[in-house]
């Protein structure tokens, strides 16, 4: 039986530090969905690498694991990519790298998930996107295949990395149906608008804050809740100004259970991002029946569909006007619930796993 090896190193910070990146989160959800599928026409093995001995066994799946007791650092990964060490350890027929890039010896036996082409479309010095621009396209062009999470990302990969269309497979992400769903329990506290995955730059959170600053002059009942880990001091100082201090609440990164509660109790979720490979907060909020205000760019219309409310990313007046309409009741959360749930139902991790299995099958048989 042929063997697919999935590199799950992006998941391991969850077991070491208690946190996980968006890429790690999607990798974890995919592996767990694959584990629930039952017998497959090939074997899946999980590959991990670190000096702490934290391996794929921590995921508690039925898959076999292989762990390499070496540092997971770029210099070490380069060295491993020059040897047969990973190949000897795992004996893979297909290596799936779900975190955009890795140094690999056999790209012709490698499937890489490239989540977006943000490092070309919206480069940011904070994330060393110049390095990504330099090294990612090489693997993308040489790899056996590419998976991405939206048609928008596929178009950008084709455009910026000059990869042929037939090599790229779109497998949209899903959401945790056991967590993100409407909760009709009693609501607590004051009404509020929510923004998740906050940061400066492309996430555009400060534009939303300025819109709320304009809105708060009307002495509204709605507050603004920002899920913003490691908020920059400058942004924190802005939100702590006297006229905003008692109206904006900032919370660190929260677990999925708490996040579901925040979505459910919000009047609306605002996600005015300038660029997304997918946009999980849009999907998760809609799965809870809560309307989403977002922008008609990149992948966001694919996820939001006809259920989302769209605004231009720099339209402070437009965002403020939408807040006013929810405050005054001319827009009501209840009027959006059915269409939000219908749109969210188009996405699931089970469907993503099934599509991924078809990509594995095609590449193994090709």
Protein backbone atom coordinates (compact mmCIF):
# COMPACT_ATOMS: atom_id res chain seq x y z
CA UNK A 1 0.00 0.00 0.00
CA UNK A 2 1.30 3.43 -0.92
CA UNK A 3 2.04 5.94 1.83
CA UNK A 4 1.16 9.61 2.20
CA UNK A 5 3.19 11.42 4.86
CA UNK A 6 1.74 14.65 6.27
CA UNK A 7 4.14 17.11 7.91
CA UNK A 8 2.30 18.22 11.07
CA UNK A 9 5.00 20.46 12.56
CA UNK A 10 2.71 23.50 12.38
CA UNK A 11 0.35 21.76 14.84
CA UNK A 12 2.91 21.01 17.55
CA UNK A 13 3.08 24.50 19.16
CA UNK A 14 -0.39 23.71 20.52
CA UNK A 15 1.08 20.96 22.71
CA UNK A 16 4.22 22.88 23.61
CA UNK A 17 2.98 26.44 24.14
CA UNK A 18 -0.81 26.12 24.20
CA UNK A 19 -1.31 28.22 21.07
CA UNK A 20 -1.53 27.49 17.37
CA UNK A 21 -1.30 29.55 14.19
CA UNK A 22 -4.05 29.66 11.57
CA UNK A 23 -2.03 27.28 9.39
CA UNK A 24 -1.54 24.93 12.32
CA UNK A 25 -5.22 25.07 13.08
CA UNK A 26 -6.28 24.18 9.57
CA UNK A 27 -3.70 21.37 9.41
CA UNK A 28 -5.03 19.93 12.67
CA UNK A 29 -8.65 20.07 11.47
CA UNK A 30 -7.72 18.40 8.17
CA UNK A 31 -5.81 15.55 9.84
CA UNK A 32 -8.63 14.93 12.30
CA UNK A 33 -11.19 14.91 9.49
CA UNK A 34 -9.04 12.45 7.52
CA UNK A 35 -8.86 10.26 10.62
CA UNK A 36 -12.67 10.05 10.74
CA UNK A 37 -12.99 8.85 7.13
CA UNK A 38 -12.29 5.20 7.84
CA UNK A 39 -10.27 2.89 5.54
CA UNK A 40 -8.42 4.68 2.75
CA UNK A 41 -6.76 3.19 -0.36
CA UNK A 42 -3.37 4.34 0.97
CA UNK A 43 -1.64 4.70 4.31
CA UNK A 44 -1.32 8.06 6.08
CA UNK A 45 1.64 8.74 8.35
CA UNK A 46 2.29 11.88 10.42
CA UNK A 47 5.80 13.37 10.41
CA UNK A 48 7.15 15.63 13.15
CA UNK A 49 10.53 17.11 14.01
CA UNK A 50 11.82 18.77 17.19
CA UNK A 51 14.25 18.14 20.03
CA UNK A 52 11.49 17.99 22.68
CA UNK A 53 10.07 14.69 21.49
CA UNK A 54 6.64 16.24 20.95
CA UNK A 55 5.32 14.13 18.08
CA UNK A 56 2.22 13.35 16.09
CA UNK A 57 1.15 10.92 18.79
CA UNK A 58 -0.17 13.92 20.71
CA UNK A 59 -2.90 14.28 18.08
CA UNK A 60 -4.38 10.92 19.16
CA UNK A 61 -5.32 9.76 15.66
CA UNK A 62 -5.17 6.23 14.26
CA UNK A 63 -2.30 7.20 11.96
CA UNK A 64 1.23 5.93 12.42
CA UNK A 65 3.82 8.57 13.30
CA UNK A 66 7.50 9.17 12.72
CA UNK A 67 9.49 11.70 14.72
CA UNK A 68 12.91 13.16 13.96
CA UNK A 69 14.76 14.35 17.07
CA UNK A 70 16.36 17.37 15.41
CA UNK A 71 15.64 21.11 15.64
CA UNK A 72 12.82 22.33 13.40
CA UNK A 73 14.76 25.35 12.16
CA UNK A 74 15.33 26.66 8.67
CA UNK A 75 19.07 25.83 8.69
CA UNK A 76 18.37 22.28 9.81
CA UNK A 77 15.51 21.84 7.34
CA UNK A 78 17.83 22.95 4.55
CA UNK A 79 20.32 20.29 5.60
CA UNK A 80 17.63 17.60 5.80
CA UNK A 81 16.43 18.64 2.36
CA UNK A 82 19.87 17.85 0.97
CA UNK A 83 19.86 14.32 2.37
CA UNK A 84 17.65 11.24 2.23
CA UNK A 85 17.03 11.38 5.99
CA UNK A 86 13.30 12.14 5.83
CA UNK A 87 12.81 9.67 2.99
CA UNK A 88 14.57 6.87 4.86
CA UNK A 89 12.65 7.62 8.06
CA UNK A 90 9.17 7.74 6.51
CA UNK A 91 9.46 5.90 3.15
CA UNK A 92 6.77 8.07 1.63
CA UNK A 93 5.32 7.89 -1.84
CA UNK A 94 3.84 11.37 -1.43
CA UNK A 95 4.88 14.03 1.08
CA UNK A 96 2.21 16.62 1.96
CA UNK A 97 3.61 19.90 3.28
CA UNK A 98 0.55 21.86 4.52
CA UNK A 99 2.40 25.01 5.63
CA UNK A 100 3.30 26.86 2.41
CA UNK A 101 6.95 25.79 2.11
CA UNK A 102 9.58 23.29 3.21
CA UNK A 103 13.03 22.31 2.01
CA UNK A 104 12.49 18.93 0.34
CA UNK A 105 14.78 16.60 -1.58
CA UNK A 106 12.11 15.21 -3.91
CA UNK A 107 9.71 17.97 -4.98
CA UNK A 108 8.36 15.63 -7.67
CA UNK A 109 6.91 13.54 -4.82
CA UNK A 110 5.71 16.54 -2.82
CA UNK A 111 2.27 18.12 -2.47
CA UNK A 112 2.36 21.57 -0.87
CA UNK A 113 -0.56 23.54 0.54
CA UNK A 114 -0.11 27.23 -0.26
CA UNK A 115 -2.79 29.05 1.69
CA UNK A 116 -2.52 32.33 -0.17
CA UNK A 117 -0.13 34.56 -2.08
CA UNK A 118 -0.29 37.38 0.45
CA UNK A 119 3.50 37.72 0.36
CA UNK A 120 3.11 38.95 -3.24
CA UNK A 121 -0.32 40.60 -3.16
CA UNK A 122 0.00 42.37 0.23
CA UNK A 123 3.64 42.05 1.34
CA UNK A 124 4.48 42.96 4.93
CA UNK A 125 8.00 43.40 6.32
CA UNK A 126 6.87 42.07 9.71
CA UNK A 127 6.39 38.60 8.23
CA UNK A 128 9.59 38.58 6.14
CA UNK A 129 7.57 38.32 2.95
CA UNK A 130 10.66 39.18 0.89
CA UNK A 131 12.04 35.77 1.90
CA UNK A 132 8.77 34.08 0.95
CA UNK A 133 8.82 35.78 -2.44
CA UNK A 134 12.28 34.40 -3.01
CA UNK A 135 11.86 30.75 -1.99
CA UNK A 136 8.15 29.78 -2.19
CA UNK A 137 7.77 29.93 -5.99
CA UNK A 138 10.64 27.46 -6.50
CA UNK A 139 8.86 24.68 -4.61
CA UNK A 140 5.49 25.69 -6.10
CA UNK A 141 6.81 25.24 -9.64
CA UNK A 142 8.68 22.00 -8.94
CA UNK A 143 6.17 20.27 -6.64
CA UNK A 144 3.97 17.44 -7.87
CA UNK A 145 0.87 19.40 -6.94
CA UNK A 146 -0.51 22.30 -4.93
CA UNK A 147 -3.57 22.54 -2.70
CA UNK A 148 -5.08 25.88 -1.80
CA UNK A 149 -8.21 26.95 0.05
CA UNK A 150 -9.99 29.25 -2.42
CA UNK A 151 -10.31 30.03 -6.09
CA UNK A 152 -8.95 33.50 -5.33
CA UNK A 153 -5.76 32.00 -3.89
CA UNK A 154 -5.47 29.69 -6.89
CA UNK A 155 -5.68 32.67 -9.23
CA UNK A 156 -2.99 34.52 -7.25
CA UNK A 157 -0.67 31.49 -7.21
CA UNK A 158 -1.05 31.17 -10.97
CA UNK A 159 -0.45 34.90 -11.42
CA UNK A 160 2.44 35.53 -9.06
CA UNK A 161 4.24 32.18 -9.12
CA UNK A 162 3.58 31.21 -12.73
CA UNK A 163 2.19 27.78 -11.89
CA UNK A 164 -0.08 26.07 -14.45
CA UNK A 165 -3.77 25.89 -13.56
CA UNK A 166 -4.07 22.11 -13.75
CA UNK A 167 -1.45 21.70 -11.03
CA UNK A 168 -3.47 23.59 -8.39
CA UNK A 169 -6.38 21.97 -6.52
CA UNK A 170 -8.91 24.03 -4.55
CA UNK A 171 -10.02 22.37 -1.29
CA UNK A 172 -11.94 24.98 0.74
CA UNK A 173 -11.63 24.92 4.51
CA UNK A 174 -14.45 24.09 6.88
CA UNK A 175 -15.46 24.86 10.45
CA UNK A 176 -15.98 22.93 13.68
CA UNK A 177 -19.67 22.08 13.50
CA UNK A 178 -19.65 20.82 17.09
CA UNK A 179 -18.50 24.26 18.28
CA UNK A 180 -19.68 26.88 15.83
CA UNK A 181 -23.46 26.75 15.72
CA UNK A 182 -26.34 28.94 16.97
CA UNK A 183 -26.75 29.00 20.72
CA UNK A 184 -30.16 30.24 21.77
CA UNK A 185 -29.22 30.48 25.44
CA UNK A 186 -29.76 33.64 27.43
CA UNK A 187 -27.48 36.47 26.34
CA UNK A 188 -25.43 38.31 28.93
CA UNK A 189 -24.02 41.80 29.12
CA UNK A 190 -24.43 44.71 26.71
CA UNK A 191 -24.88 44.42 22.94
CA UNK A 192 -21.63 44.54 21.03
CA UNK A 193 -19.96 44.26 17.65
CA UNK A 194 -17.13 41.75 17.34
CA UNK A 195 -13.89 41.66 15.38
CA UNK A 196 -11.70 38.55 15.36
CA UNK A 197 -8.15 37.97 14.09
CA UNK A 198 -7.29 41.59 14.69
CA UNK A 199 -4.01 43.17 13.73
CA UNK A 200 -2.62 46.19 11.96
CA UNK A 201 -1.77 45.96 8.27
CA UNK A 202 -4.02 43.97 5.98
CA UNK A 203 -6.48 43.00 8.74
CA UNK A 204 -7.40 46.70 8.78
CA UNK A 205 -8.59 46.74 12.38
CA UNK A 206 -7.73 50.38 13.01
CA UNK A 207 -10.06 51.46 10.21
CA UNK A 208 -12.83 49.64 12.07
CA UNK A 209 -11.78 51.37 15.31
CA UNK A 210 -12.02 54.76 13.60
CA UNK A 211 -15.48 53.88 12.32
CA UNK A 212 -16.53 52.90 15.82
CA UNK A 213 -14.99 56.12 17.17
CA UNK A 214 -17.31 58.03 14.85
CA UNK A 215 -20.24 55.85 15.90
CA UNK A 216 -19.61 56.24 19.65
CA UNK A 217 -20.24 59.99 19.45
CA UNK A 218 -23.95 59.07 19.32
CA UNK A 219 -23.70 57.48 22.79
CA UNK A 220 -24.85 54.05 21.51
CA UNK A 221 -25.59 50.93 23.52
CA UNK A 222 -23.30 48.75 21.38
CA UNK A 223 -19.72 48.22 22.47
CA UNK A 224 -16.85 46.92 20.34
CA UNK A 225 -15.02 43.71 21.28
CA UNK A 226 -11.65 43.05 19.62
CA UNK A 227 -9.97 39.64 19.80
CA UNK A 228 -6.43 40.95 19.45
CA UNK A 229 -3.43 39.05 20.87
CA UNK A 230 -0.23 41.05 21.24
CA UNK A 231 -1.86 44.36 20.37
CA UNK A 232 0.75 47.02 19.51
CA UNK A 233 1.14 49.69 22.16
CA UNK A 234 0.20 52.43 19.72
CA UNK A 235 -3.11 50.71 18.91
CA UNK A 236 -3.76 50.02 22.60
CA UNK A 237 -3.17 53.68 23.47
CA UNK A 238 -5.58 54.74 20.72
CA UNK A 239 -8.32 52.43 22.01
CA UNK A 240 -7.72 53.64 25.57
CA UNK A 241 -8.46 57.27 24.78
CA UNK A 242 -11.01 58.76 27.14
CA UNK A 243 -13.95 58.72 24.72
CA UNK A 244 -13.25 55.10 23.74
CA UNK A 245 -11.92 53.58 26.97
CA UNK A 246 -15.26 52.37 28.32
CA UNK A 247 -16.61 51.25 24.95
CA UNK A 248 -13.85 49.11 23.40
CA UNK A 249 -12.87 45.82 25.03
CA UNK A 250 -9.74 43.97 23.91
CA UNK A 251 -9.18 40.31 24.71
CA UNK A 252 -6.21 38.07 23.97
CA UNK A 253 -6.43 35.03 21.75
CA UNK A 254 -9.32 32.88 22.99
CA UNK A 255 -10.04 29.17 22.66
CA UNK A 256 -12.69 27.91 20.26
CA UNK A 257 -15.30 27.39 22.99
CA UNK A 258 -15.06 31.02 24.09
CA UNK A 259 -14.88 32.20 20.50
CA UNK A 260 -18.18 30.46 19.74
CA UNK A 261 -19.79 32.31 22.65
CA UNK A 262 -18.42 35.62 21.39
CA UNK A 263 -19.79 35.01 17.89
CA UNK A 264 -23.18 33.94 19.19
CA UNK A 265 -23.70 36.90 21.47
CA UNK A 266 -22.46 39.54 19.01
CA UNK A 267 -24.94 41.59 17.02
CA UNK A 268 -22.58 41.42 14.03
CA UNK A 269 -18.98 40.48 13.26
CA UNK A 270 -16.86 43.05 11.44
CA UNK A 271 -13.98 41.66 9.35
CA UNK A 272 -12.76 44.49 7.07
CA UNK A 273 -9.65 42.69 5.83
CA UNK A 274 -7.85 43.87 2.72
CA UNK A 275 -6.73 40.36 1.73
CA UNK A 276 -7.50 36.80 2.81
CA UNK A 277 -6.65 33.38 1.45
CA UNK A 278 -9.93 32.21 2.96
CA UNK A 279 -11.24 34.12 6.00
CA UNK A 280 -12.21 31.66 8.74
CA UNK A 281 -13.87 34.31 10.97
CA UNK A 282 -16.40 34.99 8.22
CA UNK A 283 -17.37 31.33 8.02
CA UNK A 284 -17.37 30.71 11.78
CA UNK A 285 -19.51 33.75 12.51
CA UNK A 286 -22.06 32.76 9.87
CA UNK A 287 -22.12 29.20 11.24
CA UNK A 288 -23.26 30.75 14.54
CA UNK A 289 -26.01 32.64 12.71
CA UNK A 290 -24.32 36.01 13.24
CA UNK A 291 -24.13 38.42 10.26
CA UNK A 292 -20.72 39.46 8.96
CA UNK A 293 -19.62 42.82 7.60
CA UNK A 294 -16.61 42.24 5.36
CA UNK A 295 -15.03 43.41 2.10
CA UNK A 296 -15.48 42.30 -1.49
CA UNK A 297 -11.84 41.44 -2.15
CA UNK A 298 -9.63 38.35 -2.48
CA UNK A 299 -11.43 35.21 -1.24
CA UNK A 300 -13.96 36.93 1.02
CA UNK A 301 -16.90 36.90 -1.45
CA UNK A 302 -16.36 33.15 -1.96
CA UNK A 303 -16.84 32.54 1.75
CA UNK A 304 -19.40 35.24 2.47
CA UNK A 305 -21.51 34.66 -0.62
CA UNK A 306 -24.87 36.47 -0.62
CA UNK A 307 -25.09 36.22 3.16
CA UNK A 308 -22.35 38.72 4.03
CA UNK A 309 -22.72 42.49 4.14
CA UNK A 310 -20.00 44.16 2.08
CA UNK A 311 -18.23 47.47 2.59
CA UNK A 312 -15.11 49.00 1.11
CA UNK A 313 -12.06 48.51 3.38
CA UNK A 314 -11.43 52.28 3.71
CA UNK A 315 -15.08 53.29 4.03
CA UNK A 316 -15.17 54.56 7.61
CA UNK A 317 -18.52 56.26 7.02
CA UNK A 318 -19.99 53.07 5.55
CA UNK A 319 -18.91 50.95 8.52
CA UNK A 320 -20.26 53.55 10.92
CA UNK A 321 -23.55 53.66 9.03
CA UNK A 322 -23.93 49.89 9.32
CA UNK A 323 -23.32 50.10 13.06
CA UNK A 324 -26.02 52.76 13.27
CA UNK A 325 -28.47 50.57 11.36
CA UNK A 326 -27.91 47.63 13.72
CA UNK A 327 -28.16 49.96 16.70
CA UNK A 328 -31.44 51.45 15.48
CA UNK A 329 -32.91 48.10 14.44
CA UNK A 330 -33.27 48.91 10.74
CA UNK A 331 -30.93 45.95 10.29
CA UNK A 332 -31.65 43.03 12.61
CA UNK A 333 -29.44 40.08 13.38
CA UNK A 334 -32.44 37.73 13.17
CA UNK A 335 -33.05 38.68 9.54
CA UNK A 336 -29.64 37.31 8.53
CA UNK A 337 -29.54 34.06 10.49
CA UNK A 338 -31.12 31.76 7.90
CA UNK A 339 -29.00 32.97 5.00
CA UNK A 340 -25.83 32.86 7.15
CA UNK A 341 -26.49 29.25 8.14
CA UNK A 342 -27.27 28.30 4.54
CA UNK A 343 -24.01 29.82 3.31
CA UNK A 344 -21.96 28.20 6.09
CA UNK A 345 -23.45 24.79 5.26
CA UNK A 346 -21.57 24.85 1.94
CA UNK A 347 -18.30 24.33 3.84
CA UNK A 348 -17.13 21.50 6.10
CA UNK A 349 -13.89 19.84 7.14
CA UNK A 350 -15.34 16.52 6.04
CA UNK A 351 -15.78 17.87 2.52
CA UNK A 352 -12.27 19.35 2.61
CA UNK A 353 -10.86 15.98 3.69
CA UNK A 354 -12.74 14.15 0.93
CA UNK A 355 -11.40 16.55 -1.70
CA UNK A 356 -7.89 16.21 -0.27
CA UNK A 357 -8.12 12.41 -0.49
CA UNK A 358 -9.03 12.73 -4.17
CA UNK A 359 -5.91 14.86 -4.72
CA UNK A 360 -3.78 12.25 -2.92
CA UNK A 361 -5.31 9.50 -5.08
CA UNK A 362 -4.76 11.40 -8.31
CA UNK A 363 -1.11 12.17 -7.54
CA UNK A 364 -0.34 8.65 -6.32
CA UNK A 365 -1.84 7.10 -9.41
CA UNK A 366 -0.48 9.64 -11.87
